[in-house]
Each structure stands twice: as C-alpha cells, then as structure tokens.
C-alpha cells in the first residue's frame, strides 16, 4: 500500500470526517474556516491512491506554541502508521517554523490517540472536566525545542 502525504484542504477534512464513525458533524466547513481564519496553520492529508484516508490540522497559538487541533484516520486504514506519520510530519513542520512546543487535547474515548501521544513524548499538563470521563479533555504538551 502506497501512502502519500500532502497539504490538504478543508474540503478534504469534511470528506474524511464524514467517514469517521466516532465523529459528530459539529466541525462543519464554516466552523473550520472560522477557527483557522487569520492564523498560520498546517493541514496535512494522507492518501492511498486517490482516496483521502487521514488528516491532521493545527495552528499557531502564540510565537512559541502550536496547537494540534484535530485529526483522524479512516477506520479501514488504521493500524498502518498513518496517524503516527501525520503526527511526525506535523512535528517536523512545527520545529522548522521555530515553535517551542505543541499542545493537543484528547479524550479517554480515543485510546489510540492517547497511546500515540504518550509514546511520542507528549506529557499530560491539564484536564478539562466536561461532566464525564469520556467527554472530558486531557491536555498534553510536547517540548519541541530544548530551551523552554
């Protein structure tokens, strides 16, 4: 299986999200555009042939911090290193842009993402209580540069 990675579009994200059973439809095109408007951002897409099978979006929060906002891999293509590759490509881009850290939020209902983050050096630094353990958000950070 030949997997390729490139910068993508919001339309790519909408298409991929429509095939992710764990996701609701709250991240509409308008919401994504509003979140990214006026910000430096990176939107990576993974493809197998002509099929878009995964993505990762993040954006600049400050001069030193990049926020990895959203990502997903189509269920039929999980377990093949696509999420890991998207994470690593994002980290490389963030480092090249001079950011010092990447922050990200995830939830207990996404154990594969939690495992991926921890195995790649992300550390828990906070918790947002949303009323239940499955809906609450775990906040992670990873230092990209040694001087912070």
N, C-alpha and C. Protein backbone atom coordinates (compact mmCIF):
# COMPACT_ATOMS: atom_id res chain seq x y z
N UNK A 1 0.84 -1.18 0.00
CA UNK A 1 0.00 0.00 0.00
C UNK A 1 0.89 1.24 0.00
N UNK A 2 0.68 2.09 -0.96
CA UNK A 2 1.46 3.32 -1.10
C UNK A 2 0.69 4.48 -0.49
N UNK A 3 1.21 5.02 0.61
CA UNK A 3 0.57 6.14 1.31
C UNK A 3 1.36 7.40 0.97
N UNK A 4 0.66 8.45 0.58
CA UNK A 4 1.31 9.72 0.32
C UNK A 4 0.75 10.77 1.27
N UNK A 5 1.54 11.80 1.52
CA UNK A 5 1.17 12.87 2.43
C UNK A 5 1.36 14.20 1.71
N UNK A 6 0.42 15.10 1.92
CA UNK A 6 0.50 16.42 1.30
C UNK A 6 -0.32 17.41 2.11
N UNK A 7 -0.16 18.69 1.78
CA UNK A 7 -1.04 19.67 2.39
C UNK A 7 -2.40 19.51 1.73
N UNK A 8 -3.45 19.66 2.53
CA UNK A 8 -4.79 19.43 2.03
C UNK A 8 -5.68 20.65 2.17
N UNK A 9 -6.97 20.41 1.99
CA UNK A 9 -7.97 21.47 2.03
C UNK A 9 -9.01 21.15 3.10
N UNK A 10 -9.79 22.15 3.42
CA UNK A 10 -10.89 21.95 4.37
C UNK A 10 -11.89 20.96 3.79
N UNK A 11 -12.09 20.99 2.49
CA UNK A 11 -12.99 20.03 1.85
C UNK A 11 -12.51 18.59 2.07
N UNK A 12 -11.18 18.39 2.04
CA UNK A 12 -10.63 17.06 2.33
C UNK A 12 -11.02 16.62 3.74
N UNK A 13 -10.91 17.53 4.70
CA UNK A 13 -11.24 17.22 6.10
C UNK A 13 -12.72 16.85 6.22
N UNK A 14 -13.59 17.63 5.59
CA UNK A 14 -15.03 17.35 5.65
C UNK A 14 -15.32 15.97 5.07
N UNK A 15 -14.69 15.64 3.96
CA UNK A 15 -14.92 14.33 3.32
C UNK A 15 -14.44 13.21 4.23
N UNK A 16 -13.25 13.34 4.79
CA UNK A 16 -12.72 12.29 5.67
C UNK A 16 -13.59 12.17 6.92
N UNK A 17 -13.94 13.31 7.54
CA UNK A 17 -14.77 13.27 8.74
C UNK A 17 -16.10 12.57 8.52
N UNK A 18 -16.64 12.68 7.32
CA UNK A 18 -17.93 12.04 7.03
C UNK A 18 -17.83 10.51 7.10
N UNK A 19 -16.60 9.99 7.07
CA UNK A 19 -16.39 8.54 7.12
C UNK A 19 -15.79 8.08 8.45
N UNK A 20 -15.76 8.96 9.45
CA UNK A 20 -15.22 8.63 10.77
C UNK A 20 -16.39 8.41 11.72
N UNK A 21 -16.67 7.17 12.10
CA UNK A 21 -17.87 6.90 12.92
C UNK A 21 -17.83 7.54 14.31
N UNK A 22 -16.66 7.79 14.85
CA UNK A 22 -16.56 8.38 16.19
C UNK A 22 -16.86 9.87 16.21
N UNK A 23 -16.84 10.50 15.04
CA UNK A 23 -17.00 11.95 14.98
C UNK A 23 -18.46 12.32 14.76
N UNK A 24 -18.86 13.42 15.39
CA UNK A 24 -20.16 14.00 15.08
C UNK A 24 -19.93 15.00 13.95
N UNK A 25 -20.92 15.76 13.64
CA UNK A 25 -20.79 16.67 12.50
C UNK A 25 -20.59 18.12 12.94
N UNK A 26 -20.13 18.34 14.17
CA UNK A 26 -20.01 19.72 14.66
C UNK A 26 -18.88 20.49 14.00
N UNK A 27 -17.91 19.83 13.40
CA UNK A 27 -16.83 20.55 12.71
C UNK A 27 -17.21 20.74 11.24
N UNK A 28 -18.12 21.67 11.03
CA UNK A 28 -18.57 22.00 9.68
C UNK A 28 -17.48 22.80 8.96
N UNK A 29 -17.67 22.96 7.67
CA UNK A 29 -16.73 23.76 6.88
C UNK A 29 -16.62 25.17 7.46
N UNK A 30 -17.76 25.77 7.80
CA UNK A 30 -17.75 27.12 8.37
C UNK A 30 -16.99 27.17 9.69
N UNK A 31 -17.19 26.19 10.54
CA UNK A 31 -16.50 26.18 11.84
C UNK A 31 -14.99 26.05 11.64
N UNK A 32 -14.58 25.18 10.75
CA UNK A 32 -13.14 25.00 10.50
C UNK A 32 -12.55 26.29 9.93
N UNK A 33 -13.24 26.89 8.96
CA UNK A 33 -12.75 28.14 8.37
C UNK A 33 -12.63 29.24 9.42
N UNK A 34 -13.63 29.35 10.31
CA UNK A 34 -13.58 30.36 11.37
C UNK A 34 -12.41 30.11 12.31
N UNK A 35 -12.18 28.85 12.66
CA UNK A 35 -11.09 28.52 13.59
C UNK A 35 -9.73 28.88 12.98
N UNK A 36 -9.57 28.65 11.69
CA UNK A 36 -8.28 28.87 11.03
C UNK A 36 -8.08 30.28 10.50
N UNK A 37 -9.14 31.04 10.38
CA UNK A 37 -9.07 32.36 9.76
C UNK A 37 -8.03 33.26 10.44
N UNK A 38 -7.15 33.81 9.62
CA UNK A 38 -6.14 34.74 10.09
C UNK A 38 -4.99 34.09 10.85
N UNK A 39 -4.93 32.80 10.89
CA UNK A 39 -3.88 32.10 11.63
C UNK A 39 -2.93 31.38 10.67
N UNK A 40 -1.70 31.25 11.09
CA UNK A 40 -0.78 30.35 10.41
C UNK A 40 -1.21 28.94 10.79
N UNK A 41 -1.46 28.08 9.80
CA UNK A 41 -1.89 26.72 10.10
C UNK A 41 -1.28 25.73 9.14
N UNK A 42 -1.37 24.47 9.55
CA UNK A 42 -0.94 23.36 8.70
C UNK A 42 -2.07 22.35 8.66
N UNK A 43 -2.44 21.95 7.45
CA UNK A 43 -3.47 20.94 7.24
C UNK A 43 -2.84 19.85 6.37
N UNK A 44 -2.52 18.74 6.99
CA UNK A 44 -1.90 17.61 6.29
C UNK A 44 -2.95 16.55 5.97
N UNK A 45 -2.81 15.92 4.81
CA UNK A 45 -3.72 14.87 4.40
C UNK A 45 -2.92 13.65 3.97
N UNK A 46 -3.40 12.48 4.36
CA UNK A 46 -2.82 11.21 3.93
C UNK A 46 -3.74 10.60 2.87
N UNK A 47 -3.14 10.08 1.82
CA UNK A 47 -3.91 9.48 0.73
C UNK A 47 -3.35 8.11 0.38
N UNK A 48 -4.26 7.24 -0.03
CA UNK A 48 -3.89 5.95 -0.62
C UNK A 48 -4.50 5.98 -2.01
N UNK A 49 -3.62 6.09 -3.00
CA UNK A 49 -4.11 6.32 -4.36
C UNK A 49 -4.82 7.66 -4.40
N UNK A 50 -6.05 7.66 -4.91
CA UNK A 50 -6.83 8.90 -4.97
C UNK A 50 -7.73 9.10 -3.76
N UNK A 51 -7.71 8.14 -2.83
CA UNK A 51 -8.59 8.21 -1.66
C UNK A 51 -7.91 8.92 -0.50
N UNK A 52 -8.55 9.96 0.02
CA UNK A 52 -8.06 10.67 1.21
C UNK A 52 -8.47 9.83 2.42
N UNK A 53 -7.48 9.43 3.23
CA UNK A 53 -7.78 8.50 4.32
C UNK A 53 -7.45 9.03 5.71
N UNK A 54 -6.82 10.20 5.80
CA UNK A 54 -6.50 10.75 7.11
C UNK A 54 -6.07 12.19 7.00
N UNK A 55 -6.10 12.87 8.14
CA UNK A 55 -5.66 14.27 8.16
C UNK A 55 -5.20 14.66 9.55
N UNK A 56 -4.53 15.79 9.62
CA UNK A 56 -4.13 16.42 10.88
C UNK A 56 -4.10 17.92 10.64
N UNK A 57 -4.80 18.68 11.50
CA UNK A 57 -4.84 20.13 11.40
C UNK A 57 -4.31 20.73 12.70
N UNK A 58 -3.51 21.77 12.55
CA UNK A 58 -3.06 22.52 13.71
C UNK A 58 -2.80 23.96 13.32
N UNK A 59 -2.66 24.81 14.35
CA UNK A 59 -2.44 26.22 14.06
C UNK A 59 -1.63 26.90 15.16
N UNK A 60 -1.11 28.07 14.80
CA UNK A 60 -0.30 28.87 15.71
C UNK A 60 -1.19 29.46 16.80
N UNK A 61 -0.75 29.28 18.05
CA UNK A 61 -1.43 29.87 19.19
C UNK A 61 -0.69 31.12 19.64
N UNK A 62 0.64 31.02 19.63
CA UNK A 62 1.50 32.15 20.03
C UNK A 62 2.81 32.01 19.27
N UNK A 63 3.73 32.88 19.55
CA UNK A 63 5.03 32.83 18.88
C UNK A 63 5.77 31.54 19.21
N UNK A 64 5.45 30.93 20.34
CA UNK A 64 6.18 29.74 20.77
C UNK A 64 5.36 28.46 20.75
N UNK A 65 4.02 28.57 20.68
CA UNK A 65 3.17 27.37 20.80
C UNK A 65 2.31 27.14 19.57
N UNK A 66 2.26 25.88 19.16
CA UNK A 66 1.42 25.40 18.07
C UNK A 66 0.40 24.46 18.66
N UNK A 67 -0.86 24.59 18.25
CA UNK A 67 -1.92 23.72 18.77
C UNK A 67 -2.34 22.73 17.71
N UNK A 68 -2.22 21.44 18.02
CA UNK A 68 -2.66 20.38 17.12
C UNK A 68 -4.14 20.15 17.41
N UNK A 69 -5.00 20.69 16.56
CA UNK A 69 -6.42 20.80 16.86
C UNK A 69 -7.21 19.53 16.58
N UNK A 70 -7.04 18.94 15.41
CA UNK A 70 -7.90 17.81 15.04
C UNK A 70 -7.16 16.88 14.09
N UNK A 71 -7.58 15.64 14.11
CA UNK A 71 -7.01 14.66 13.20
C UNK A 71 -7.82 13.38 13.24
N UNK A 72 -7.67 12.59 12.20
CA UNK A 72 -8.40 11.32 12.12
C UNK A 72 -7.81 10.46 11.02
N UNK A 73 -8.03 9.16 11.16
CA UNK A 73 -7.69 8.20 10.11
C UNK A 73 -8.92 7.34 9.88
N UNK A 74 -9.26 7.14 8.61
CA UNK A 74 -10.40 6.30 8.23
C UNK A 74 -10.25 4.93 8.88
N UNK A 75 -11.34 4.37 9.43
CA UNK A 75 -11.25 3.07 10.12
C UNK A 75 -10.62 1.95 9.30
N UNK A 76 -10.83 1.93 8.01
CA UNK A 76 -10.27 0.86 7.16
C UNK A 76 -8.75 0.97 7.00
N UNK A 77 -8.17 2.09 7.41
CA UNK A 77 -6.74 2.31 7.20
C UNK A 77 -5.97 2.50 8.51
N UNK A 78 -6.62 2.22 9.62
CA UNK A 78 -5.95 2.35 10.92
C UNK A 78 -4.98 1.19 11.14
N UNK A 79 -4.03 1.41 12.02
CA UNK A 79 -3.05 0.37 12.34
C UNK A 79 -1.95 0.24 11.30
N UNK A 80 -1.82 1.20 10.44
CA UNK A 80 -0.82 1.15 9.37
C UNK A 80 0.21 2.28 9.48
N UNK A 81 0.19 2.97 10.61
CA UNK A 81 1.17 4.03 10.84
C UNK A 81 0.82 5.38 10.24
N UNK A 82 -0.39 5.53 9.74
CA UNK A 82 -0.77 6.80 9.10
C UNK A 82 -0.86 7.92 10.14
N UNK A 83 -1.51 7.66 11.26
CA UNK A 83 -1.61 8.68 12.31
C UNK A 83 -0.25 9.07 12.83
N UNK A 84 0.60 8.07 13.04
CA UNK A 84 1.97 8.33 13.51
C UNK A 84 2.73 9.19 12.50
N UNK A 85 2.61 8.88 11.22
CA UNK A 85 3.31 9.66 10.19
C UNK A 85 2.79 11.09 10.14
N UNK A 86 1.47 11.27 10.23
CA UNK A 86 0.91 12.62 10.24
C UNK A 86 1.43 13.41 11.44
N UNK A 87 1.48 12.78 12.61
CA UNK A 87 2.00 13.43 13.81
C UNK A 87 3.45 13.83 13.63
N UNK A 88 4.26 12.93 13.11
CA UNK A 88 5.69 13.21 12.92
C UNK A 88 5.92 14.30 11.87
N UNK A 89 5.14 14.29 10.80
CA UNK A 89 5.26 15.35 9.79
C UNK A 89 4.86 16.70 10.36
N UNK A 90 3.81 16.71 11.18
CA UNK A 90 3.40 17.95 11.82
C UNK A 90 4.49 18.45 12.76
N UNK A 91 5.06 17.57 13.55
CA UNK A 91 6.14 17.97 14.47
C UNK A 91 7.32 18.56 13.72
N UNK A 92 7.69 17.95 12.61
CA UNK A 92 8.83 18.45 11.82
C UNK A 92 8.53 19.85 11.29
N UNK A 93 7.34 20.06 10.78
CA UNK A 93 6.94 21.36 10.26
C UNK A 93 6.96 22.40 11.39
N UNK A 94 6.43 22.04 12.55
CA UNK A 94 6.38 22.94 13.71
C UNK A 94 7.80 23.32 14.14
N UNK A 95 8.69 22.35 14.19
CA UNK A 95 10.08 22.62 14.55
C UNK A 95 10.73 23.55 13.53
N UNK A 96 10.50 23.28 12.25
CA UNK A 96 11.08 24.11 11.20
C UNK A 96 10.57 25.55 11.23
N UNK A 97 9.36 25.75 11.73
CA UNK A 97 8.79 27.10 11.84
C UNK A 97 9.24 27.82 13.10
N UNK A 98 10.01 27.15 13.97
CA UNK A 98 10.58 27.81 15.14
C UNK A 98 9.72 27.80 16.39
N UNK A 99 8.65 27.04 16.39
CA UNK A 99 7.84 26.93 17.60
C UNK A 99 8.62 26.14 18.65
N UNK A 100 8.28 26.35 19.91
CA UNK A 100 8.96 25.67 21.02
C UNK A 100 8.17 24.49 21.56
N UNK A 101 6.85 24.49 21.34
CA UNK A 101 6.03 23.39 21.87
C UNK A 101 4.79 23.17 21.02
N UNK A 102 4.23 21.98 21.17
CA UNK A 102 2.95 21.61 20.56
C UNK A 102 2.03 21.20 21.69
N UNK A 103 0.81 21.75 21.69
CA UNK A 103 -0.19 21.32 22.64
C UNK A 103 -1.31 20.62 21.88
N UNK A 104 -2.01 19.76 22.59
CA UNK A 104 -3.11 18.99 21.99
C UNK A 104 -4.04 18.54 23.10
N UNK A 105 -5.31 18.37 22.75
CA UNK A 105 -6.29 17.83 23.69
C UNK A 105 -6.84 16.55 23.10
N UNK A 106 -7.12 15.58 23.96
CA UNK A 106 -7.77 14.36 23.53
C UNK A 106 -8.69 13.88 24.65
N UNK A 107 -9.35 12.76 24.41
CA UNK A 107 -10.31 12.24 25.38
C UNK A 107 -10.10 10.75 25.60
N UNK A 108 -10.57 10.28 26.73
CA UNK A 108 -10.48 8.86 27.04
C UNK A 108 -11.17 8.00 26.00
N UNK A 109 -12.17 8.55 25.31
CA UNK A 109 -12.87 7.75 24.30
C UNK A 109 -12.03 7.53 23.04
N UNK A 110 -10.84 8.13 22.99
CA UNK A 110 -9.91 7.92 21.87
C UNK A 110 -8.61 7.30 22.38
N UNK A 111 -8.65 6.06 22.89
CA UNK A 111 -7.44 5.47 23.50
C UNK A 111 -6.26 5.35 22.55
N UNK A 112 -6.50 5.13 21.28
CA UNK A 112 -5.38 5.03 20.33
C UNK A 112 -4.64 6.34 20.24
N UNK A 113 -5.36 7.44 20.28
CA UNK A 113 -4.72 8.76 20.22
C UNK A 113 -3.94 9.02 21.51
N UNK A 114 -4.51 8.66 22.64
CA UNK A 114 -3.80 8.83 23.91
C UNK A 114 -2.49 8.06 23.89
N UNK A 115 -2.53 6.82 23.43
CA UNK A 115 -1.33 6.00 23.35
C UNK A 115 -0.30 6.62 22.41
N UNK A 116 -0.76 7.09 21.25
CA UNK A 116 0.15 7.70 20.27
C UNK A 116 0.84 8.92 20.88
N UNK A 117 0.08 9.77 21.54
CA UNK A 117 0.66 10.97 22.13
C UNK A 117 1.69 10.63 23.20
N UNK A 118 1.34 9.76 24.11
CA UNK A 118 2.26 9.39 25.20
C UNK A 118 3.51 8.72 24.64
N UNK A 119 3.34 7.85 23.65
CA UNK A 119 4.50 7.15 23.09
C UNK A 119 5.42 8.07 22.30
N UNK A 120 4.95 9.27 21.96
CA UNK A 120 5.76 10.24 21.23
C UNK A 120 6.20 11.42 22.09
N UNK A 121 6.20 11.22 23.40
CA UNK A 121 6.78 12.22 24.29
C UNK A 121 5.86 13.35 24.71
N UNK A 122 4.58 13.25 24.43
CA UNK A 122 3.64 14.27 24.91
C UNK A 122 3.35 13.97 26.38
N UNK A 123 3.26 15.03 27.17
CA UNK A 123 3.03 14.88 28.61
C UNK A 123 1.71 15.54 29.00
N UNK A 124 1.00 14.87 29.90
CA UNK A 124 -0.25 15.43 30.41
C UNK A 124 0.08 16.69 31.20
N UNK A 125 -0.64 17.78 30.90
CA UNK A 125 -0.40 19.03 31.62
C UNK A 125 -1.70 19.68 32.10
N UNK A 126 -2.84 19.02 31.86
CA UNK A 126 -4.09 19.59 32.32
C UNK A 126 -5.28 18.71 31.99
N UNK A 127 -6.44 19.15 32.49
CA UNK A 127 -7.67 18.38 32.33
C UNK A 127 -8.84 19.35 32.31
N UNK A 128 -9.73 19.19 31.34
CA UNK A 128 -10.96 19.98 31.27
C UNK A 128 -12.13 19.07 31.58
N UNK A 129 -12.76 19.27 32.73
CA UNK A 129 -13.87 18.43 33.15
C UNK A 129 -15.13 18.82 32.37
N UNK A 130 -15.64 17.90 31.59
CA UNK A 130 -16.85 18.12 30.80
C UNK A 130 -18.03 17.33 31.35
N UNK A 131 -17.91 16.84 32.60
CA UNK A 131 -19.02 16.15 33.24
C UNK A 131 -18.95 14.65 33.23
N UNK A 132 -18.16 14.07 32.35
CA UNK A 132 -17.99 12.61 32.34
C UNK A 132 -16.58 12.29 31.86
N UNK A 133 -16.04 11.17 32.32
CA UNK A 133 -14.67 10.81 31.90
C UNK A 133 -14.50 10.66 30.39
N UNK A 134 -15.55 10.21 29.69
CA UNK A 134 -15.41 10.02 28.24
C UNK A 134 -15.48 11.33 27.47
N UNK A 135 -16.14 12.35 28.01
CA UNK A 135 -16.28 13.63 27.33
C UNK A 135 -15.24 14.66 27.77
N UNK A 136 -14.64 14.45 28.94
CA UNK A 136 -13.64 15.39 29.45
C UNK A 136 -12.39 15.34 28.59
N UNK A 137 -11.64 16.44 28.59
CA UNK A 137 -10.47 16.55 27.72
C UNK A 137 -9.19 16.52 28.54
N UNK A 138 -8.25 15.74 28.05
CA UNK A 138 -6.92 15.63 28.64
C UNK A 138 -6.00 16.51 27.79
N UNK A 139 -5.27 17.40 28.44
CA UNK A 139 -4.41 18.34 27.73
C UNK A 139 -2.97 17.84 27.80
N UNK A 140 -2.33 17.82 26.64
CA UNK A 140 -0.95 17.37 26.51
C UNK A 140 -0.09 18.49 25.95
N UNK A 141 1.20 18.40 26.23
CA UNK A 141 2.17 19.31 25.62
C UNK A 141 3.45 18.55 25.33
N UNK A 142 4.10 18.94 24.27
CA UNK A 142 5.41 18.38 23.94
C UNK A 142 6.35 19.52 23.63
N UNK A 143 7.48 19.51 24.30
CA UNK A 143 8.51 20.50 24.02
C UNK A 143 9.22 20.10 22.73
N UNK A 144 9.27 21.02 21.80
CA UNK A 144 9.94 20.78 20.52
C UNK A 144 11.37 21.29 20.58
N UNK A 145 11.58 22.37 21.32
CA UNK A 145 12.91 22.96 21.47
C UNK A 145 13.38 22.75 22.90
N UNK A 146 14.65 22.61 23.07
CA UNK A 146 15.23 22.32 24.37
C UNK A 146 15.24 23.51 25.33
N UNK A 147 15.09 24.72 24.83
CA UNK A 147 15.28 25.90 25.68
C UNK A 147 14.02 26.40 26.35
N UNK A 148 13.01 25.55 26.52
CA UNK A 148 11.81 26.01 27.26
C UNK A 148 11.59 25.15 28.48
